[in-house]
Each structure stands twice: as structure tokens, then as C-alpha cells.
Amino acid sequence: MGSSSKIDFVGAFEKGWTIYKANLKKLVLWGVLLASPLLFFALNLTAGFITTFVLEGFFMVLLANAIVHAVNNTSPDIFNPKAAIFFIKNGVLLSIVLFPLLTLASVILVVPAVLLFSAFMFSFFLIAEKRSSSIDSMMASMQMSKGNRIPLFLFSAVFFFAVILCSVSLGIFLPLGFVLFSGVLPYLFCVIYQFYRDLENK
């Protein structure tokens, strides 16, 4: 793992799709959990922000864990009490640190938020697989992304565009937006996993 490692941008989308299709039923269930904070926005804006800031990072760690175990054909260890406590502690802390930063950056301009996400996108997998703490995972993710800033920025732009599209759909018709979030985000996380694996293997 080093700054000179290069990723296969197009190949990551293709391999991510293969992972997603092979594990669709498993991953969509975790995608539903990931999309659940959106329902709070439909009820109350404040409740939506609080739920997202506190839980969304934790849910993304669970999705990352599910992808790692799906690829290895093993059961997610969220059901192990020790692992569950670790994921809750570090997932919630990551959420509290990262999501307000992303929101603030988005308010200023979308580009800073995309840059932030491109630097920290591997944090979820580092917590899920390597058992890194939330802060250590963020630092390690920044290190992993060195030398690949442009392709990871482009992917993050795609990620944000997909989130915005799903959010618009959510505002137009809540069930459609919820279904899109539940299905699209697990696929995009499969692509992140492939980027992560490419860099880990080089």
C-alpha cells in the first residue's frame, strides 16, 4: 500500500458490479438500513440531520463489513458482541466527525465535499476489516488515496451525483427515493471496495 499504487478506474466499476450482482439480496438489506435515516428527514429536518450525523457512518461500516464478508463467503461479524461494540463505537465516532464536515463543505461548495469524501472513503472498510479506530482509519485512508487523487475525485463526484439524484427522487416520491438509496449505495460501496482492494494488493 503506497502512494505510487495505481487503481483501475473502469475495472473497479465492472468488478464492483460483479460483486453487487452476486450478493444482491444480502447487500440490499444493508442498503435499506443505510437508507433508513432518510425517513427521519420526511418527518422532521432536525431529526434527519441528527440521525444522519450520529448513525450514517456506523451503517456504512456495517455495509462495508457485509461486502467484505460477502466476497469471502463468510457471515458478517456484526453479530459477534465484541465486534458489534467496536463497530458501534468507531462507526458512530466516524459519523460524528466526518458527516458534519461533509455537510459544511457541501454548503460552502460541492467540490470540497467531494474532495473530503475521496480522501476518507476507505475509512469504512478499514474499520470493518482491519479493526482500525475511527481516527486511524481516516488517516490511513488519506495515505491510501495519495497518488490517485484524480480518479478517486471523479468517483466521489459520481457518488455525490448519485446521492443528489436519489435525494431529489426522495423529495418527489418517498418510496422511489428510498428504493434508489437502498439499491444504488451498496453498488457504489462495492466499487469503493474494489478500489480499496486494488490499493491493498499493490
Protein backbone atom coordinates (compact mmCIF):
# COMPACT_ATOMS: atom_id res chain seq x y z
CA MET A 1 0.00 0.00 0.00
CA GLY A 2 1.65 3.22 -1.10
CA SER A 3 1.18 6.47 -2.90
CA SER A 4 2.62 5.05 -6.12
CA SER A 5 -0.08 2.36 -6.39
CA LYS A 6 -2.48 2.95 -9.23
CA ILE A 7 -6.09 1.87 -9.44
CA ASP A 8 -8.08 0.50 -12.36
CA PHE A 9 -10.88 3.08 -12.55
CA VAL A 10 -13.11 1.38 -15.14
CA GLY A 11 -12.28 -2.10 -13.86
CA ALA A 12 -13.41 -1.14 -10.35
CA PHE A 13 -16.90 -0.33 -11.65
CA GLU A 14 -17.03 -3.63 -13.54
CA LYS A 15 -15.74 -5.75 -10.64
CA GLY A 16 -17.93 -3.83 -8.21
CA TRP A 17 -20.95 -4.68 -10.36
CA THR A 18 -19.96 -8.35 -10.35
CA ILE A 19 -19.74 -8.33 -6.53
CA TYR A 20 -23.04 -6.47 -6.29
CA LYS A 21 -24.94 -8.84 -8.61
CA ALA A 22 -23.57 -11.94 -6.90
CA ASN A 23 -24.63 -10.68 -3.45
CA LEU A 24 -27.64 -8.53 -4.32
CA LYS A 25 -30.06 -9.88 -1.73
CA LYS A 26 -27.53 -9.66 1.11
CA LEU A 27 -26.31 -6.17 0.26
CA VAL A 28 -29.69 -4.56 -0.44
CA LEU A 29 -30.80 -5.48 3.09
CA TRP A 30 -27.87 -3.49 4.46
CA GLY A 31 -28.68 -0.77 1.93
CA VAL A 32 -32.17 -0.49 3.45
CA LEU A 33 -30.57 0.06 6.85
CA LEU A 34 -28.26 2.66 5.33
CA ALA A 35 -31.24 4.47 3.79
CA SER A 36 -33.33 4.40 6.97
CA PRO A 37 -32.13 7.81 8.35
CA LEU A 38 -33.69 9.38 5.25
CA LEU A 39 -37.13 8.56 6.64
CA PHE A 40 -36.45 10.93 9.53
CA PHE A 41 -35.98 13.79 7.06
CA ALA A 42 -39.52 13.13 5.83
CA LEU A 43 -40.77 13.54 9.41
CA ASN A 44 -38.54 16.33 10.70
CA LEU A 45 -35.48 18.06 9.26
CA THR A 46 -33.68 18.29 12.60
CA ALA A 47 -34.30 14.62 13.38
CA GLY A 48 -33.00 13.73 9.91
CA PHE A 49 -29.73 15.62 10.41
CA ILE A 50 -29.19 14.26 13.93
CA THR A 51 -29.86 10.68 12.84
CA THR A 52 -27.57 11.03 9.83
CA PHE A 53 -24.74 12.65 11.78
CA VAL A 54 -24.87 10.00 14.52
CA LEU A 55 -25.71 6.78 12.68
CA GLU A 56 -24.91 7.01 8.95
CA GLY A 57 -21.18 6.35 9.39
CA PHE A 58 -21.98 3.34 11.56
CA PHE A 59 -24.40 1.99 8.95
CA MET A 60 -21.76 2.48 6.24
CA VAL A 61 -19.28 0.48 8.33
CA LEU A 62 -21.87 -2.30 8.56
CA LEU A 63 -22.35 -2.22 4.78
CA ALA A 64 -18.56 -2.33 4.28
CA ASN A 65 -18.36 -5.29 6.66
CA ALA A 66 -21.15 -7.06 4.77
CA ILE A 67 -19.33 -6.57 1.45
CA VAL A 68 -16.03 -7.90 2.83
CA HIS A 69 -17.74 -11.00 4.20
CA ALA A 70 -19.87 -11.48 1.07
CA VAL A 71 -16.73 -11.55 -1.08
CA ASN A 72 -15.11 -14.03 1.32
CA ASN A 73 -18.34 -16.04 1.59
CA THR A 74 -18.46 -15.69 5.38
CA SER A 75 -21.08 -14.30 7.76
CA PRO A 76 -20.85 -10.64 8.83
CA ASP A 77 -19.39 -10.48 12.33
CA ILE A 78 -21.70 -7.68 13.44
CA PHE A 79 -23.49 -10.44 15.34
CA ASN A 80 -20.35 -11.03 17.41
CA PRO A 81 -20.82 -8.88 20.57
CA LYS A 82 -17.18 -7.76 20.70
CA ALA A 83 -17.19 -6.78 17.02
CA ALA A 84 -20.58 -5.10 17.36
CA ILE A 85 -19.32 -2.88 20.21
CA PHE A 86 -16.22 -1.98 18.18
CA PHE A 87 -18.30 -1.09 15.10
CA ILE A 88 -20.78 0.98 17.11
CA LYS A 89 -18.07 2.93 18.91
CA ASN A 90 -15.90 3.65 15.88
CA GLY A 91 -18.72 3.89 13.34
CA VAL A 92 -20.61 6.46 15.39
CA LEU A 93 -17.42 8.45 16.09
CA LEU A 94 -16.52 8.40 12.39
CA SER A 95 -20.05 9.59 11.60
CA ILE A 96 -19.89 12.42 14.13
CA VAL A 97 -16.52 13.59 12.78
CA LEU A 98 -16.98 13.06 9.03
CA PHE A 99 -20.60 13.83 8.19
CA PRO A 100 -20.77 17.34 9.67
CA LEU A 101 -17.55 18.11 7.75
CA LEU A 102 -19.10 16.82 4.52
CA THR A 103 -22.28 18.80 5.15
CA LEU A 104 -20.39 22.01 5.92
CA ALA A 105 -18.21 21.54 2.83
CA SER A 106 -21.33 20.95 0.72
CA VAL A 107 -22.89 24.17 1.98
CA ILE A 108 -19.76 26.11 1.00
CA LEU A 109 -19.37 24.33 -2.35
CA VAL A 110 -19.83 20.76 -3.56
CA VAL A 111 -16.20 20.38 -4.68
CA PRO A 112 -14.69 20.49 -1.14
CA ALA A 113 -17.17 17.83 0.00
CA VAL A 114 -16.20 15.62 -2.95
CA LEU A 115 -12.51 16.10 -2.09
CA LEU A 116 -13.13 15.18 1.54
CA PHE A 117 -15.04 12.04 0.63
CA SER A 118 -12.37 10.99 -1.88
CA ALA A 119 -9.78 11.18 0.90
CA PHE A 120 -11.78 9.35 3.56
CA MET A 121 -13.86 6.82 1.58
CA PHE A 122 -11.70 3.86 2.65
CA SER A 123 -12.25 4.58 6.36
CA PHE A 124 -15.36 2.41 6.46
CA PHE A 125 -13.53 -0.65 5.12
CA LEU A 126 -10.50 -0.08 7.35
CA ILE A 127 -12.76 -0.13 10.40
CA ALA A 128 -14.76 -3.09 9.07
CA GLU A 129 -11.85 -5.28 8.01
CA LYS A 130 -8.69 -4.03 9.73
CA ARG A 131 -10.36 -3.04 13.00
CA SER A 132 -8.71 0.38 12.80
CA SER A 133 -10.04 3.07 15.11
CA SER A 134 -12.10 5.83 13.50
CA ILE A 135 -9.30 8.41 13.56
CA ASP A 136 -6.61 5.91 12.48
CA SER A 137 -8.83 4.74 9.63
CA MET A 138 -9.27 8.31 8.38
CA MET A 139 -5.52 8.91 8.45
CA ALA A 140 -4.84 5.58 6.72
CA SER A 141 -7.48 6.33 4.09
CA MET A 142 -5.81 9.64 3.29
CA GLN A 143 -2.50 7.82 2.89
CA MET A 144 -4.04 5.18 0.62
CA SER A 145 -5.59 7.78 -1.65
CA LYS A 146 -2.29 9.53 -2.37
CA GLY A 147 -1.24 9.16 -5.99
CA ASN A 148 -4.85 8.51 -7.05
CA ARG A 149 -6.46 11.85 -6.24
CA ILE A 150 -7.92 12.43 -9.71
CA PRO A 151 -9.65 9.04 -10.26
CA LEU A 152 -10.90 8.97 -6.66
CA PHE A 153 -12.17 12.54 -7.02
CA LEU A 154 -14.01 11.54 -10.21
CA PHE A 155 -15.56 8.55 -8.46
CA SER A 156 -16.56 10.72 -5.50
CA ALA A 157 -18.21 13.15 -7.92
CA VAL A 158 -20.22 10.21 -9.33
CA PHE A 159 -21.06 9.16 -5.76
CA PHE A 160 -22.31 12.65 -4.85
CA PHE A 161 -24.28 12.95 -8.09
CA ALA A 162 -25.98 9.62 -7.31
CA VAL A 163 -26.79 10.77 -3.76
CA ILE A 164 -28.21 14.06 -5.06
CA LEU A 165 -30.29 12.20 -7.67
CA CYS A 166 -31.65 9.84 -5.03
CA SER A 167 -32.40 12.81 -2.74
CA VAL A 168 -34.35 14.55 -5.49
CA SER A 169 -36.27 11.33 -6.10
CA LEU A 170 -36.92 11.13 -2.37
CA GLY A 171 -38.45 14.59 -2.40
CA ILE A 172 -40.64 13.78 -5.41
CA PHE A 173 -41.79 10.34 -4.28
CA LEU A 174 -40.54 8.97 -0.96
CA PRO A 175 -40.79 5.22 -1.75
CA LEU A 176 -38.86 5.67 -5.03
CA GLY A 177 -36.08 7.64 -3.35
CA PHE A 178 -35.83 5.06 -0.56
CA VAL A 179 -35.58 2.18 -3.05
CA LEU A 180 -32.93 4.01 -5.08
CA PHE A 181 -30.81 4.74 -2.00
CA SER A 182 -31.16 1.14 -0.81
CA GLY A 183 -30.03 -0.23 -4.18
CA VAL A 184 -27.55 2.31 -5.53
CA LEU A 185 -25.38 2.93 -2.46
CA PRO A 186 -24.47 -0.74 -1.93
CA TYR A 187 -23.27 -0.90 -5.55
CA LEU A 188 -21.16 2.23 -5.13
CA PHE A 189 -19.69 0.77 -1.95
CA CYS A 190 -18.78 -2.36 -3.92
CA VAL A 191 -16.83 -0.07 -6.26
CA ILE A 192 -15.11 1.57 -3.27
CA TYR A 193 -14.27 -1.92 -2.03
CA GLN A 194 -12.62 -2.71 -5.34
CA PHE A 195 -10.56 0.50 -5.19
CA TYR A 196 -9.64 -0.41 -1.61
CA ARG A 197 -8.65 -3.95 -2.60
CA ASP A 198 -6.60 -2.71 -5.59
CA LEU A 199 -4.58 -0.45 -3.30
CA GLU A 200 -4.23 -3.07 -0.57
CA ASN A 201 -2.86 -5.60 -3.05
CA LYS A 202 -0.22 -3.31 -4.58
